[in-house]
Amino acid sequence: MCQQVAKGTRWGKCGHFQRHLVVAVMDCCQTNCERSCNHPPRCPLRTCITTYGREIQQDVDLVDEFCFQCRAAQAKAAGIPLR
């Protein structure tokens, strides 16, 4: 299964990754993966893999905070209205 290589921000307190852009695709070189260069152009099989595998995450920066979604969830749990 081919994988996308993404660069982004890592949120230190929750560990979540915020993708900024995909910079490359790692080819798995399998003939049964539609994303691979080795997949036949007019493959009749319906069993081929059609999605990317787990994303390879490269941290561009590290922010020592919770991500936006985690902060929103914490505010909601505490009963603080969001603006």
N, C-alpha and C. Protein backbone atom coordinates (compact mmCIF):
# COMPACT_ATOMS: atom_id res chain seq x y z
N MET A 1 0.84 -1.16 0.00
CA MET A 1 0.00 0.00 0.00
C MET A 1 0.90 1.24 0.00
N CYS A 2 0.69 2.11 -0.97
CA CYS A 2 1.48 3.34 -1.06
C CYS A 2 1.13 4.26 0.10
N GLN A 3 2.07 5.16 0.45
CA GLN A 3 1.87 6.07 1.57
C GLN A 3 2.19 7.50 1.16
N GLN A 4 1.42 8.43 1.70
CA GLN A 4 1.69 9.84 1.48
C GLN A 4 2.65 10.33 2.57
N VAL A 5 3.57 11.21 2.19
CA VAL A 5 4.49 11.83 3.13
C VAL A 5 3.99 13.26 3.34
N ALA A 6 3.63 13.59 4.59
CA ALA A 6 3.06 14.90 4.89
C ALA A 6 3.94 15.66 5.87
N LYS A 7 3.98 16.98 5.69
CA LYS A 7 4.67 17.87 6.63
C LYS A 7 3.62 18.68 7.36
N GLY A 8 3.87 18.92 8.66
CA GLY A 8 2.89 19.68 9.42
C GLY A 8 3.33 19.97 10.84
N THR A 9 2.37 20.41 11.64
CA THR A 9 2.59 20.81 13.02
C THR A 9 2.22 19.67 13.96
N ARG A 10 3.08 19.42 14.93
CA ARG A 10 2.79 18.44 16.00
C ARG A 10 2.41 19.25 17.24
N TRP A 11 1.26 18.93 17.81
CA TRP A 11 0.79 19.59 19.03
C TRP A 11 1.30 18.77 20.21
N GLY A 12 2.17 19.36 21.01
CA GLY A 12 2.89 18.65 22.05
C GLY A 12 2.06 18.08 23.18
N LYS A 13 1.02 18.78 23.60
CA LYS A 13 0.26 18.34 24.77
C LYS A 13 -0.72 17.21 24.46
N CYS A 14 -1.19 17.11 23.21
CA CYS A 14 -2.12 16.04 22.86
C CYS A 14 -1.51 15.06 21.86
N GLY A 15 -0.42 15.46 21.20
CA GLY A 15 0.26 14.58 20.25
C GLY A 15 -0.35 14.54 18.87
N HIS A 16 -1.41 15.32 18.63
CA HIS A 16 -2.05 15.32 17.32
C HIS A 16 -1.16 16.00 16.28
N PHE A 17 -1.39 15.64 15.02
CA PHE A 17 -0.62 16.16 13.89
C PHE A 17 -1.56 16.94 12.99
N GLN A 18 -1.18 18.17 12.65
CA GLN A 18 -1.96 19.00 11.74
C GLN A 18 -1.19 19.10 10.42
N ARG A 19 -1.71 18.43 9.40
CA ARG A 19 -1.02 18.39 8.11
C ARG A 19 -1.13 19.74 7.40
N HIS A 20 0.00 20.18 6.83
CA HIS A 20 0.03 21.40 6.03
C HIS A 20 0.03 21.06 4.55
N LEU A 21 0.83 20.08 4.16
CA LEU A 21 0.85 19.66 2.77
C LEU A 21 1.46 18.28 2.61
N VAL A 22 1.08 17.63 1.53
CA VAL A 22 1.67 16.34 1.17
C VAL A 22 2.83 16.64 0.24
N VAL A 23 4.03 16.16 0.59
CA VAL A 23 5.22 16.50 -0.18
C VAL A 23 5.69 15.38 -1.10
N ALA A 24 5.22 14.16 -0.85
CA ALA A 24 5.66 13.02 -1.67
C ALA A 24 4.72 11.84 -1.47
N VAL A 25 4.89 10.86 -2.33
CA VAL A 25 4.19 9.59 -2.19
C VAL A 25 5.23 8.48 -2.25
N MET A 26 5.23 7.62 -1.24
CA MET A 26 6.14 6.48 -1.21
C MET A 26 5.46 5.33 -1.95
N ASP A 27 6.06 4.90 -3.05
CA ASP A 27 5.49 3.83 -3.87
C ASP A 27 5.79 2.48 -3.23
N CYS A 28 4.76 1.65 -3.09
CA CYS A 28 4.93 0.32 -2.49
C CYS A 28 5.40 -0.70 -3.52
N CYS A 29 5.33 -0.35 -4.80
CA CYS A 29 5.78 -1.19 -5.92
C CYS A 29 5.00 -2.50 -6.05
N GLN A 30 3.77 -2.52 -5.55
CA GLN A 30 2.94 -3.72 -5.66
C GLN A 30 2.00 -3.59 -6.85
N THR A 31 1.83 -4.68 -7.56
CA THR A 31 0.96 -4.66 -8.75
C THR A 31 -0.52 -4.62 -8.38
N ASN A 32 -0.86 -4.95 -7.13
CA ASN A 32 -2.27 -4.93 -6.72
C ASN A 32 -2.67 -3.63 -6.03
N CYS A 33 -1.82 -2.60 -6.11
CA CYS A 33 -2.10 -1.29 -5.52
C CYS A 33 -2.32 -0.29 -6.65
N GLU A 34 -3.52 0.28 -6.74
CA GLU A 34 -3.84 1.22 -7.82
C GLU A 34 -3.00 2.50 -7.76
N ARG A 35 -2.42 2.82 -6.62
CA ARG A 35 -1.61 4.04 -6.47
C ARG A 35 -0.16 3.82 -6.90
N SER A 36 0.23 2.57 -7.12
CA SER A 36 1.62 2.25 -7.46
C SER A 36 1.90 2.40 -8.95
N CYS A 37 3.14 2.71 -9.27
CA CYS A 37 3.58 2.78 -10.67
C CYS A 37 3.57 1.40 -11.32
N ASN A 38 3.62 0.35 -10.50
CA ASN A 38 3.64 -1.02 -11.02
C ASN A 38 2.25 -1.60 -11.27
N HIS A 39 1.20 -0.85 -10.97
CA HIS A 39 -0.16 -1.33 -11.21
C HIS A 39 -0.45 -1.28 -12.71
N PRO A 40 -0.97 -2.38 -13.29
CA PRO A 40 -1.27 -2.39 -14.73
C PRO A 40 -2.29 -1.31 -15.09
N PRO A 41 -2.09 -0.62 -16.21
CA PRO A 41 -2.96 0.50 -16.60
C PRO A 41 -4.45 0.13 -16.75
N ARG A 42 -4.73 -0.99 -17.33
CA ARG A 42 -6.12 -1.40 -17.53
C ARG A 42 -6.40 -2.69 -16.77
N CYS A 43 -6.15 -2.67 -15.49
CA CYS A 43 -6.33 -3.84 -14.65
C CYS A 43 -7.82 -4.16 -14.49
N PRO A 44 -8.23 -5.38 -14.81
CA PRO A 44 -9.65 -5.74 -14.71
C PRO A 44 -10.07 -6.16 -13.30
N LEU A 45 -9.13 -6.36 -12.41
CA LEU A 45 -9.46 -6.85 -11.07
C LEU A 45 -10.14 -5.78 -10.22
N ARG A 46 -11.09 -6.21 -9.42
CA ARG A 46 -11.78 -5.29 -8.51
C ARG A 46 -11.25 -5.45 -7.09
N THR A 47 -10.25 -6.28 -6.91
CA THR A 47 -9.70 -6.55 -5.58
C THR A 47 -8.46 -5.72 -5.27
N CYS A 48 -8.06 -4.86 -6.18
CA CYS A 48 -6.85 -4.05 -5.98
C CYS A 48 -7.07 -3.01 -4.87
N ILE A 49 -6.00 -2.67 -4.19
CA ILE A 49 -6.03 -1.66 -3.13
C ILE A 49 -6.22 -0.29 -3.78
N THR A 50 -7.18 0.48 -3.27
CA THR A 50 -7.49 1.78 -3.88
C THR A 50 -7.12 2.97 -3.00
N THR A 51 -6.76 2.74 -1.75
CA THR A 51 -6.47 3.84 -0.84
C THR A 51 -5.00 3.84 -0.44
N TYR A 52 -4.57 4.97 0.09
CA TYR A 52 -3.22 5.08 0.62
C TYR A 52 -3.15 4.41 1.99
N GLY A 53 -1.96 3.97 2.35
CA GLY A 53 -1.73 3.41 3.68
C GLY A 53 -1.57 4.53 4.70
N ARG A 54 -1.10 4.16 5.87
CA ARG A 54 -0.92 5.13 6.95
C ARG A 54 0.04 6.24 6.51
N GLU A 55 -0.34 7.47 6.79
CA GLU A 55 0.44 8.63 6.39
C GLU A 55 1.77 8.69 7.15
N ILE A 56 2.84 9.05 6.44
CA ILE A 56 4.14 9.28 7.07
C ILE A 56 4.19 10.75 7.45
N GLN A 57 4.26 11.02 8.74
CA GLN A 57 4.18 12.40 9.23
C GLN A 57 5.55 12.95 9.58
N GLN A 58 5.88 14.09 8.99
CA GLN A 58 7.14 14.77 9.27
C GLN A 58 6.82 16.10 9.95
N ASP A 59 7.32 16.27 11.18
CA ASP A 59 7.06 17.49 11.94
C ASP A 59 7.89 18.65 11.42
N VAL A 60 7.21 19.75 11.11
CA VAL A 60 7.89 20.99 10.71
C VAL A 60 8.14 21.83 11.96
N ASP A 61 7.15 21.82 12.87
CA ASP A 61 7.31 22.52 14.13
C ASP A 61 6.54 21.80 15.22
N LEU A 62 6.88 22.11 16.46
CA LEU A 62 6.24 21.53 17.63
C LEU A 62 5.68 22.67 18.48
N VAL A 63 4.38 22.62 18.71
CA VAL A 63 3.72 23.65 19.53
C VAL A 63 3.35 23.01 20.86
N ASP A 64 3.82 23.60 21.95
CA ASP A 64 3.59 23.04 23.28
C ASP A 64 2.21 23.46 23.80
N GLU A 65 1.18 23.04 23.11
CA GLU A 65 -0.21 23.33 23.44
C GLU A 65 -1.07 22.16 23.01
N PHE A 66 -2.37 22.23 23.33
CA PHE A 66 -3.34 21.28 22.80
C PHE A 66 -3.78 21.80 21.43
N CYS A 67 -4.14 20.89 20.53
CA CYS A 67 -4.61 21.30 19.20
C CYS A 67 -5.98 21.98 19.33
N PHE A 68 -6.45 22.58 18.24
CA PHE A 68 -7.70 23.33 18.25
C PHE A 68 -8.89 22.45 18.64
N GLN A 69 -8.94 21.25 18.10
CA GLN A 69 -10.06 20.35 18.41
C GLN A 69 -10.06 19.94 19.88
N CYS A 70 -8.89 19.66 20.42
CA CYS A 70 -8.81 19.29 21.83
C CYS A 70 -9.20 20.45 22.73
N ARG A 71 -8.78 21.67 22.36
CA ARG A 71 -9.16 22.85 23.15
C ARG A 71 -10.67 23.07 23.10
N ALA A 72 -11.27 22.86 21.92
CA ALA A 72 -12.72 23.02 21.79
C ALA A 72 -13.46 21.97 22.62
N ALA A 73 -12.96 20.73 22.61
CA ALA A 73 -13.58 19.66 23.39
C ALA A 73 -13.46 19.95 24.89
N GLN A 74 -12.32 20.47 25.31
CA GLN A 74 -12.14 20.83 26.72
C GLN A 74 -13.08 21.96 27.13
N ALA A 75 -13.23 22.96 26.26
CA ALA A 75 -14.13 24.08 26.56
C ALA A 75 -15.57 23.60 26.65
N LYS A 76 -15.96 22.73 25.74
CA LYS A 76 -17.32 22.19 25.74
C LYS A 76 -17.58 21.40 27.02
N ALA A 77 -16.62 20.58 27.41
CA ALA A 77 -16.76 19.76 28.63
C ALA A 77 -16.85 20.66 29.88
N ALA A 78 -16.16 21.80 29.85
CA ALA A 78 -16.17 22.71 30.99
C ALA A 78 -17.36 23.66 30.96
N GLY A 79 -18.17 23.60 29.88
CA GLY A 79 -19.34 24.46 29.78
C GLY A 79 -19.03 25.87 29.34
N ILE A 80 -17.87 26.08 28.74
CA ILE A 80 -17.47 27.41 28.27
C ILE A 80 -18.00 27.58 26.85
N PRO A 81 -18.82 28.61 26.58
CA PRO A 81 -19.36 28.79 25.22
C PRO A 81 -18.26 29.19 24.24
N LEU A 82 -18.32 28.62 23.05
CA LEU A 82 -17.36 28.97 22.00
C LEU A 82 -17.85 30.21 21.25
N ARG A 83 -16.92 31.04 20.88
CA ARG A 83 -17.29 32.26 20.16
C ARG A 83 -17.12 32.07 18.69
